[in-house]
C-alpha cells in the first residue's frame, strides 16, 4: 500500500494444500491465545460507528455524483457489517479501526475454496482489512473533493 508514492505497508501471501494433521495442529495468528480487541478495553466517546447495513450509512457514504469514488464495496464484496473508528485511539494514539462481519455458512465463497474444507479465502481477509482502512481514511476526507482508492 502506498500514499503519494511512499510505500507504508508491504506483505507476502501464500497458499497451498494443508493436511488434516497440520490443520489440527494450527494455532492461528494469535498463537492460540485469545486476543481482546483494543476497543473492548478502551471505550471512547469519540468513536465513529458505521453500520454498513443501514440505509443511513448508504446515504452518507454511498455513491454520489459529487463524490463518485467515496464509497466502500457493497453486496457480496462487503466484508464488514460494523466498523468502529476511534480517530485518536489505538496503542500509539494515532487512530484505531475495528471491523466485524457475522459469518454466514451460506456465503458465496465457502464452496469455492478448499474443497471439503470451507474457509474464507485469505485474499478476501486482506480485502476486508483494506476496506476497514478505507473507512478509517474516509472518516477524515470530508474536505477532499473526490478521494479515491486505487489498486496497485
N, C-alpha and C. Protein backbone atom coordinates (compact mmCIF):
# COMPACT_ATOMS: atom_id res chain seq x y z
N UNK A 1 0.85 -1.15 0.00
CA UNK A 1 0.00 0.00 0.00
C UNK A 1 0.91 1.23 0.00
N UNK A 2 0.44 2.27 -0.69
CA UNK A 2 1.26 3.47 -0.77
C UNK A 2 0.40 4.72 -0.72
N UNK A 3 1.03 5.83 -0.42
CA UNK A 3 0.40 7.13 -0.42
C UNK A 3 1.42 8.12 -0.97
N UNK A 4 1.05 8.86 -1.99
CA UNK A 4 1.96 9.81 -2.63
C UNK A 4 3.28 9.16 -3.02
N UNK A 5 3.21 7.93 -3.51
CA UNK A 5 4.41 7.23 -3.96
C UNK A 5 5.25 6.62 -2.85
N UNK A 6 4.87 6.83 -1.59
CA UNK A 6 5.61 6.31 -0.44
C UNK A 6 4.93 5.03 0.05
N UNK A 7 5.63 3.91 -0.01
CA UNK A 7 5.08 2.64 0.46
C UNK A 7 5.03 2.65 1.98
N UNK A 8 3.83 2.38 2.55
CA UNK A 8 3.72 2.33 4.00
C UNK A 8 3.36 0.94 4.51
N UNK A 9 3.06 0.00 3.62
CA UNK A 9 2.81 -1.37 4.04
C UNK A 9 3.13 -2.31 2.89
N UNK A 10 3.87 -3.37 3.22
CA UNK A 10 4.15 -4.43 2.27
C UNK A 10 3.85 -5.75 2.95
N UNK A 11 3.42 -6.72 2.19
CA UNK A 11 3.14 -8.02 2.78
C UNK A 11 3.30 -9.13 1.76
N UNK A 12 3.41 -10.32 2.26
CA UNK A 12 3.51 -11.51 1.42
C UNK A 12 2.33 -12.41 1.74
N UNK A 13 1.93 -13.18 0.79
CA UNK A 13 0.87 -14.15 1.00
C UNK A 13 1.25 -15.45 0.32
N UNK A 14 0.69 -16.53 0.78
CA UNK A 14 0.96 -17.82 0.15
C UNK A 14 -0.29 -18.67 0.28
N UNK A 15 -0.35 -19.71 -0.51
CA UNK A 15 -1.48 -20.62 -0.42
C UNK A 15 -0.97 -22.02 -0.66
N UNK A 16 -1.80 -22.97 -0.36
CA UNK A 16 -1.40 -24.35 -0.59
C UNK A 16 -2.38 -25.32 0.01
N UNK A 17 -2.04 -26.58 -0.06
CA UNK A 17 -2.87 -27.63 0.50
C UNK A 17 -2.32 -28.01 1.87
N UNK A 18 -3.20 -28.11 2.84
CA UNK A 18 -2.79 -28.45 4.19
C UNK A 18 -3.36 -29.81 4.57
N UNK A 19 -2.56 -30.64 5.15
CA UNK A 19 -3.01 -31.96 5.57
C UNK A 19 -3.90 -31.83 6.80
N UNK A 20 -4.69 -32.87 7.06
CA UNK A 20 -5.53 -32.89 8.25
C UNK A 20 -4.71 -32.72 9.51
N UNK A 21 -3.52 -33.32 9.52
CA UNK A 21 -2.63 -33.22 10.68
C UNK A 21 -2.19 -31.78 10.92
N UNK A 22 -1.81 -31.08 9.86
CA UNK A 22 -1.36 -29.70 10.04
C UNK A 22 -2.52 -28.78 10.42
N UNK A 23 -3.71 -29.04 9.86
CA UNK A 23 -4.87 -28.23 10.23
C UNK A 23 -5.25 -28.44 11.70
N UNK A 24 -5.13 -29.68 12.18
CA UNK A 24 -5.47 -29.97 13.58
C UNK A 24 -4.50 -29.31 14.55
N UNK A 25 -3.27 -29.10 14.11
CA UNK A 25 -2.23 -28.54 14.99
C UNK A 25 -2.10 -27.02 14.87
N UNK A 26 -2.84 -26.39 13.97
CA UNK A 26 -2.66 -24.95 13.78
C UNK A 26 -3.16 -24.17 14.99
N UNK A 27 -2.51 -23.07 15.28
CA UNK A 27 -2.90 -22.23 16.42
C UNK A 27 -3.40 -20.86 15.97
N UNK A 28 -3.24 -20.52 14.70
CA UNK A 28 -3.73 -19.23 14.22
C UNK A 28 -2.76 -18.09 14.45
N UNK A 29 -3.14 -16.93 13.95
CA UNK A 29 -2.28 -15.75 14.05
C UNK A 29 -2.08 -15.29 15.49
N UNK A 30 -3.03 -15.60 16.35
CA UNK A 30 -2.91 -15.17 17.74
C UNK A 30 -2.16 -16.16 18.61
N UNK A 31 -1.57 -17.19 18.00
CA UNK A 31 -0.80 -18.17 18.76
C UNK A 31 -1.65 -19.00 19.71
N UNK A 32 -2.96 -19.03 19.47
CA UNK A 32 -3.85 -19.80 20.33
C UNK A 32 -4.30 -19.06 21.58
N UNK A 33 -3.85 -17.83 21.75
CA UNK A 33 -4.25 -17.02 22.91
C UNK A 33 -5.33 -16.04 22.48
N UNK A 34 -6.40 -15.97 23.24
CA UNK A 34 -7.49 -15.05 22.91
C UNK A 34 -6.98 -13.62 22.96
N UNK A 35 -7.17 -12.91 21.88
CA UNK A 35 -6.77 -11.50 21.80
C UNK A 35 -8.02 -10.64 21.88
N UNK A 36 -8.12 -9.83 22.90
CA UNK A 36 -9.26 -8.94 23.07
C UNK A 36 -9.01 -7.68 22.25
N UNK A 37 -9.97 -7.28 21.41
CA UNK A 37 -9.78 -6.04 20.64
C UNK A 37 -9.54 -4.84 21.55
N UNK A 38 -8.64 -3.96 21.15
CA UNK A 38 -8.31 -2.76 21.91
C UNK A 38 -9.56 -2.00 22.30
N UNK A 39 -10.49 -1.88 21.38
CA UNK A 39 -11.69 -1.07 21.61
C UNK A 39 -12.56 -1.64 22.72
N UNK A 40 -12.50 -2.95 22.95
CA UNK A 40 -13.30 -3.55 24.03
C UNK A 40 -12.78 -3.16 25.41
N UNK A 41 -11.53 -2.81 25.52
CA UNK A 41 -10.94 -2.41 26.80
C UNK A 41 -10.74 -0.90 26.92
N UNK A 42 -11.03 -0.18 25.86
CA UNK A 42 -10.77 1.26 25.83
C UNK A 42 -11.96 1.99 25.20
N UNK A 43 -13.09 1.97 25.88
CA UNK A 43 -14.27 2.65 25.36
C UNK A 43 -13.96 4.13 25.16
N UNK A 44 -14.55 4.70 24.12
CA UNK A 44 -14.26 6.10 23.80
C UNK A 44 -15.53 6.80 23.33
N UNK A 45 -15.73 8.02 23.84
CA UNK A 45 -16.86 8.83 23.38
C UNK A 45 -16.64 9.36 21.98
N UNK A 46 -15.38 9.32 21.51
CA UNK A 46 -15.08 9.85 20.18
C UNK A 46 -15.20 8.78 19.08
N UNK A 47 -15.74 7.62 19.43
CA UNK A 47 -15.89 6.55 18.44
C UNK A 47 -16.88 6.95 17.35
N UNK A 48 -16.52 6.62 16.13
CA UNK A 48 -17.41 6.76 14.99
C UNK A 48 -17.86 5.34 14.66
N UNK A 49 -19.16 5.11 14.66
CA UNK A 49 -19.68 3.77 14.38
C UNK A 49 -20.40 3.80 13.04
N UNK A 50 -19.94 2.97 12.12
CA UNK A 50 -20.58 2.86 10.81
C UNK A 50 -21.30 1.53 10.74
N UNK A 51 -22.61 1.57 10.60
CA UNK A 51 -23.40 0.36 10.38
C UNK A 51 -23.58 0.24 8.88
N UNK A 52 -22.77 -0.58 8.25
CA UNK A 52 -22.75 -0.66 6.80
C UNK A 52 -24.00 -1.28 6.20
N UNK A 53 -24.85 -1.86 7.03
CA UNK A 53 -26.10 -2.43 6.53
C UNK A 53 -27.26 -1.45 6.63
N UNK A 54 -27.02 -0.27 7.19
CA UNK A 54 -28.11 0.68 7.39
C UNK A 54 -28.30 1.58 6.17
N UNK A 55 -29.51 2.05 6.02
CA UNK A 55 -29.83 2.99 4.94
C UNK A 55 -29.10 4.30 5.19
N UNK A 56 -29.01 4.74 6.45
CA UNK A 56 -28.34 6.00 6.77
C UNK A 56 -26.89 5.99 6.32
N UNK A 57 -26.20 4.87 6.52
CA UNK A 57 -24.81 4.78 6.09
C UNK A 57 -24.71 4.98 4.58
N UNK A 58 -25.56 4.30 3.84
CA UNK A 58 -25.51 4.40 2.37
C UNK A 58 -25.81 5.84 1.92
N UNK A 59 -26.66 6.57 2.67
CA UNK A 59 -26.94 7.97 2.32
C UNK A 59 -25.69 8.83 2.52
N UNK A 60 -24.96 8.58 3.60
CA UNK A 60 -23.80 9.40 3.94
C UNK A 60 -22.59 9.04 3.08
N UNK A 61 -22.26 7.75 2.98
CA UNK A 61 -21.05 7.35 2.26
C UNK A 61 -21.34 6.53 1.01
N UNK A 62 -22.57 6.54 0.56
CA UNK A 62 -22.89 5.84 -0.68
C UNK A 62 -22.43 6.65 -1.88
N UNK A 63 -22.62 6.09 -3.06
CA UNK A 63 -22.18 6.75 -4.29
C UNK A 63 -23.00 8.01 -4.55
N UNK A 64 -22.30 9.11 -4.83
CA UNK A 64 -22.93 10.39 -5.14
C UNK A 64 -22.19 11.00 -6.33
N UNK A 65 -22.88 11.76 -7.17
CA UNK A 65 -22.21 12.37 -8.32
C UNK A 65 -21.02 13.24 -7.92
N UNK A 66 -21.12 13.96 -6.80
CA UNK A 66 -20.03 14.85 -6.39
C UNK A 66 -18.87 14.09 -5.74
N UNK A 67 -19.09 12.85 -5.34
CA UNK A 67 -18.05 12.01 -4.74
C UNK A 67 -18.14 10.59 -5.32
N UNK A 68 -17.86 10.42 -6.60
CA UNK A 68 -18.08 9.10 -7.22
C UNK A 68 -17.22 7.97 -6.68
N UNK A 69 -16.12 8.28 -6.01
CA UNK A 69 -15.23 7.23 -5.51
C UNK A 69 -15.25 7.12 -3.99
N UNK A 70 -16.10 7.89 -3.34
CA UNK A 70 -16.15 7.98 -1.89
C UNK A 70 -17.14 6.94 -1.35
N UNK A 71 -16.83 5.67 -1.55
CA UNK A 71 -17.72 4.62 -1.10
C UNK A 71 -16.94 3.34 -0.87
N UNK A 72 -17.55 2.46 -0.10
CA UNK A 72 -16.98 1.14 0.13
C UNK A 72 -17.75 0.13 -0.71
N UNK A 73 -17.18 -1.04 -0.86
CA UNK A 73 -17.84 -2.10 -1.61
C UNK A 73 -19.16 -2.47 -0.94
N UNK A 74 -20.09 -2.97 -1.74
CA UNK A 74 -21.36 -3.42 -1.19
C UNK A 74 -21.67 -4.81 -1.76
N UNK A 75 -22.78 -5.36 -1.33
CA UNK A 75 -23.18 -6.67 -1.81
C UNK A 75 -22.21 -7.76 -1.39
N UNK A 76 -21.94 -8.68 -2.29
CA UNK A 76 -21.09 -9.83 -1.93
C UNK A 76 -19.64 -9.45 -1.69
N UNK A 77 -19.24 -8.24 -2.04
CA UNK A 77 -17.86 -7.81 -1.79
C UNK A 77 -17.72 -6.95 -0.53
N UNK A 78 -18.79 -6.82 0.23
CA UNK A 78 -18.72 -6.10 1.50
C UNK A 78 -18.35 -7.10 2.59
N UNK A 79 -17.23 -6.88 3.25
CA UNK A 79 -16.74 -7.84 4.24
C UNK A 79 -16.81 -7.31 5.67
N UNK A 80 -17.65 -6.29 5.90
CA UNK A 80 -17.86 -5.79 7.26
C UNK A 80 -19.32 -5.40 7.41
N UNK A 81 -19.86 -5.64 8.60
CA UNK A 81 -21.21 -5.18 8.93
C UNK A 81 -21.12 -3.89 9.73
N UNK A 82 -20.19 -3.87 10.67
CA UNK A 82 -19.99 -2.72 11.57
C UNK A 82 -18.51 -2.34 11.53
N UNK A 83 -18.25 -1.05 11.40
CA UNK A 83 -16.87 -0.55 11.51
C UNK A 83 -16.87 0.51 12.60
N UNK A 84 -15.97 0.36 13.56
CA UNK A 84 -15.82 1.34 14.64
C UNK A 84 -14.46 2.01 14.49
N UNK A 85 -14.48 3.34 14.50
CA UNK A 85 -13.27 4.13 14.30
C UNK A 85 -13.08 5.03 15.52
N UNK A 86 -11.87 5.05 16.05
CA UNK A 86 -11.51 5.98 17.13
C UNK A 86 -10.33 6.79 16.58
N UNK A 87 -10.60 8.03 16.12
CA UNK A 87 -9.56 8.82 15.45
C UNK A 87 -8.25 8.98 16.23
N UNK A 88 -8.31 9.13 17.53
CA UNK A 88 -7.10 9.30 18.35
C UNK A 88 -6.82 8.06 19.19
N UNK A 89 -7.38 6.94 18.81
CA UNK A 89 -7.26 5.72 19.61
C UNK A 89 -6.08 4.86 19.23
N UNK A 90 -6.08 3.66 19.79
CA UNK A 90 -5.03 2.69 19.50
C UNK A 90 -3.86 2.79 20.45
N UNK A 91 -3.00 1.82 20.36
CA UNK A 91 -1.83 1.71 21.24
C UNK A 91 -0.95 2.96 21.21
N UNK A 92 -0.84 3.60 20.04
CA UNK A 92 0.03 4.76 19.89
C UNK A 92 -0.75 6.07 19.68
N UNK A 93 -2.06 6.03 19.93
CA UNK A 93 -2.93 7.21 19.82
C UNK A 93 -2.91 7.84 18.43
N UNK A 94 -2.69 7.03 17.41
CA UNK A 94 -2.67 7.52 16.02
C UNK A 94 -3.95 7.15 15.27
N UNK A 95 -4.85 6.48 15.95
CA UNK A 95 -6.10 6.06 15.33
C UNK A 95 -6.28 4.56 15.42
N UNK A 96 -7.54 4.15 15.45
CA UNK A 96 -7.87 2.74 15.59
C UNK A 96 -9.12 2.46 14.78
N UNK A 97 -9.13 1.33 14.11
CA UNK A 97 -10.32 0.90 13.38
C UNK A 97 -10.57 -0.58 13.68
N UNK A 98 -11.83 -0.91 13.91
CA UNK A 98 -12.25 -2.28 14.20
C UNK A 98 -13.43 -2.59 13.29
N UNK A 99 -13.36 -3.68 12.58
CA UNK A 99 -14.45 -4.08 11.69
C UNK A 99 -14.91 -5.48 12.07
N UNK A 100 -16.21 -5.72 11.91
CA UNK A 100 -16.77 -7.02 12.25
C UNK A 100 -17.80 -7.44 11.20
N UNK A 101 -17.83 -8.71 10.91
CA UNK A 101 -18.83 -9.26 10.00
C UNK A 101 -19.33 -10.57 10.57
N UNK A 102 -20.64 -10.73 10.60
CA UNK A 102 -21.23 -12.00 11.00
C UNK A 102 -21.01 -12.99 9.86
N UNK A 103 -20.46 -14.14 10.19
CA UNK A 103 -20.19 -15.15 9.17
C UNK A 103 -21.45 -15.95 8.90
N UNK A 104 -21.79 -16.06 7.63
CA UNK A 104 -22.93 -16.86 7.20
C UNK A 104 -22.38 -18.10 6.51
N UNK A 105 -22.69 -19.29 7.01
CA UNK A 105 -22.16 -20.51 6.39
C UNK A 105 -22.57 -20.68 4.93
N UNK A 106 -23.56 -19.89 4.49
CA UNK A 106 -24.02 -19.95 3.10
C UNK A 106 -23.32 -18.92 2.21
N UNK A 107 -22.36 -18.16 2.74
CA UNK A 107 -21.67 -17.15 1.93
C UNK A 107 -21.10 -17.77 0.66
N UNK A 108 -21.07 -16.99 -0.38
CA UNK A 108 -20.73 -17.45 -1.73
C UNK A 108 -19.35 -18.05 -1.85
N UNK A 109 -18.41 -17.63 -1.02
CA UNK A 109 -17.02 -18.06 -1.21
C UNK A 109 -16.71 -19.41 -0.58
N UNK A 110 -17.51 -19.88 0.38
CA UNK A 110 -17.19 -21.14 1.04
C UNK A 110 -17.11 -22.33 0.09
N UNK A 111 -18.09 -22.54 -0.78
CA UNK A 111 -17.99 -23.71 -1.67
C UNK A 111 -16.94 -23.54 -2.77
N UNK A 112 -16.40 -22.35 -2.92
CA UNK A 112 -15.43 -22.08 -3.99
C UNK A 112 -13.99 -22.26 -3.54
N UNK A 113 -13.76 -22.59 -2.29
CA UNK A 113 -12.40 -22.55 -1.75
C UNK A 113 -12.12 -23.79 -0.92
N UNK A 114 -11.02 -24.46 -1.19
CA UNK A 114 -10.59 -25.66 -0.46
C UNK A 114 -11.71 -26.69 -0.35
N UNK A 115 -11.94 -27.43 -1.40
CA UNK A 115 -12.97 -28.46 -1.43
C UNK A 115 -12.88 -29.34 -0.18
N UNK A 116 -13.98 -29.47 0.49
CA UNK A 116 -14.03 -30.30 1.69
C UNK A 116 -13.54 -29.60 2.95
N UNK A 117 -13.04 -28.39 2.83
CA UNK A 117 -12.55 -27.63 3.98
C UNK A 117 -12.94 -26.17 3.77
N UNK A 118 -14.23 -25.85 3.90
CA UNK A 118 -14.70 -24.50 3.57
C UNK A 118 -14.16 -23.44 4.53
N UNK A 119 -13.33 -22.58 4.01
CA UNK A 119 -12.79 -21.45 4.77
C UNK A 119 -12.88 -20.20 3.89
N UNK A 120 -12.83 -19.05 4.52
CA UNK A 120 -12.80 -17.80 3.76
C UNK A 120 -11.41 -17.66 3.15
N UNK A 121 -11.33 -17.40 1.86
CA UNK A 121 -10.01 -17.23 1.23
C UNK A 121 -9.23 -16.09 1.88
N UNK A 122 -7.95 -16.29 2.05
CA UNK A 122 -7.10 -15.28 2.66
C UNK A 122 -7.13 -13.96 1.92
N UNK A 123 -7.27 -14.01 0.59
CA UNK A 123 -7.32 -12.77 -0.20
C UNK A 123 -8.54 -11.94 0.17
N UNK A 124 -9.64 -12.60 0.55
CA UNK A 124 -10.82 -11.85 0.97
C UNK A 124 -10.63 -11.27 2.37
N UNK A 125 -9.85 -11.95 3.20
CA UNK A 125 -9.48 -11.39 4.50
C UNK A 125 -8.65 -10.13 4.33
N UNK A 126 -7.72 -10.17 3.39
CA UNK A 126 -6.91 -8.98 3.08
C UNK A 126 -7.82 -7.87 2.57
N UNK A 127 -8.77 -8.21 1.70
CA UNK A 127 -9.73 -7.22 1.19
C UNK A 127 -10.53 -6.60 2.35
N UNK A 128 -10.92 -7.41 3.33
CA UNK A 128 -11.65 -6.89 4.49
C UNK A 128 -10.81 -5.87 5.25
N UNK A 129 -9.52 -6.15 5.40
CA UNK A 129 -8.61 -5.22 6.08
C UNK A 129 -8.50 -3.92 5.29
N UNK A 130 -8.37 -4.04 3.98
CA UNK A 130 -8.28 -2.84 3.12
C UNK A 130 -9.55 -2.01 3.24
N UNK A 131 -10.71 -2.66 3.25
CA UNK A 131 -11.97 -1.93 3.38
C UNK A 131 -12.05 -1.20 4.72
N UNK A 132 -11.58 -1.83 5.80
CA UNK A 132 -11.56 -1.16 7.10
C UNK A 132 -10.64 0.06 7.07
N UNK A 133 -9.48 -0.09 6.41
CA UNK A 133 -8.56 1.05 6.28
C UNK A 133 -9.16 2.16 5.43
N UNK A 134 -9.92 1.80 4.39
CA UNK A 134 -10.60 2.81 3.58
C UNK A 134 -11.61 3.58 4.42
N UNK A 135 -12.37 2.88 5.25
CA UNK A 135 -13.34 3.55 6.11
C UNK A 135 -12.62 4.48 7.08
N UNK A 136 -11.51 4.02 7.65
CA UNK A 136 -10.72 4.83 8.57
C UNK A 136 -10.22 6.09 7.87
N UNK A 137 -9.65 5.93 6.68
CA UNK A 137 -9.14 7.08 5.93
C UNK A 137 -10.28 8.00 5.51
N UNK A 138 -11.41 7.43 5.11
CA UNK A 138 -12.54 8.23 4.65
C UNK A 138 -13.12 9.10 5.76
N UNK A 139 -12.96 8.68 7.01
CA UNK A 139 -13.50 9.45 8.13
C UNK A 139 -12.87 10.83 8.22
N UNK A 140 -11.69 11.03 7.64
CA UNK A 140 -11.04 12.34 7.67
C UNK A 140 -10.95 13.00 6.32
N UNK A 141 -11.71 12.52 5.34
CA UNK A 141 -11.58 13.03 3.98
C UNK A 141 -12.68 13.99 3.55
N UNK A 142 -13.51 14.45 4.46
CA UNK A 142 -14.59 15.34 4.08
C UNK A 142 -14.12 16.56 3.29
N UNK A 143 -12.94 17.14 3.61
CA UNK A 143 -12.51 18.32 2.86
C UNK A 143 -12.11 18.04 1.41
N UNK A 144 -11.84 16.78 1.07
CA UNK A 144 -11.39 16.45 -0.28
C UNK A 144 -12.57 16.39 -1.24
N UNK A 145 -12.34 16.81 -2.48
CA UNK A 145 -13.41 16.84 -3.46
C UNK A 145 -13.90 15.45 -3.84
N UNK A 146 -13.01 14.57 -4.20
CA UNK A 146 -13.41 13.22 -4.59
C UNK A 146 -12.28 12.23 -4.34
N UNK A 147 -12.05 11.89 -3.06
CA UNK A 147 -10.96 10.95 -2.77
C UNK A 147 -11.25 9.59 -3.40
N UNK A 148 -10.20 8.86 -3.71
CA UNK A 148 -10.38 7.54 -4.31
C UNK A 148 -9.27 6.61 -3.84
N UNK A 149 -9.54 5.35 -3.91
CA UNK A 149 -8.58 4.32 -3.56
C UNK A 149 -8.30 3.53 -4.82
N UNK A 150 -7.03 3.43 -5.17
CA UNK A 150 -6.64 2.76 -6.40
C UNK A 150 -5.83 1.52 -6.11
N UNK A 151 -6.07 0.43 -6.85
CA UNK A 151 -5.22 -0.75 -6.69
C UNK A 151 -3.86 -0.49 -7.32
N UNK A 152 -2.83 -1.16 -6.81
CA UNK A 152 -1.53 -1.04 -7.45
C UNK A 152 -0.85 -2.37 -7.46
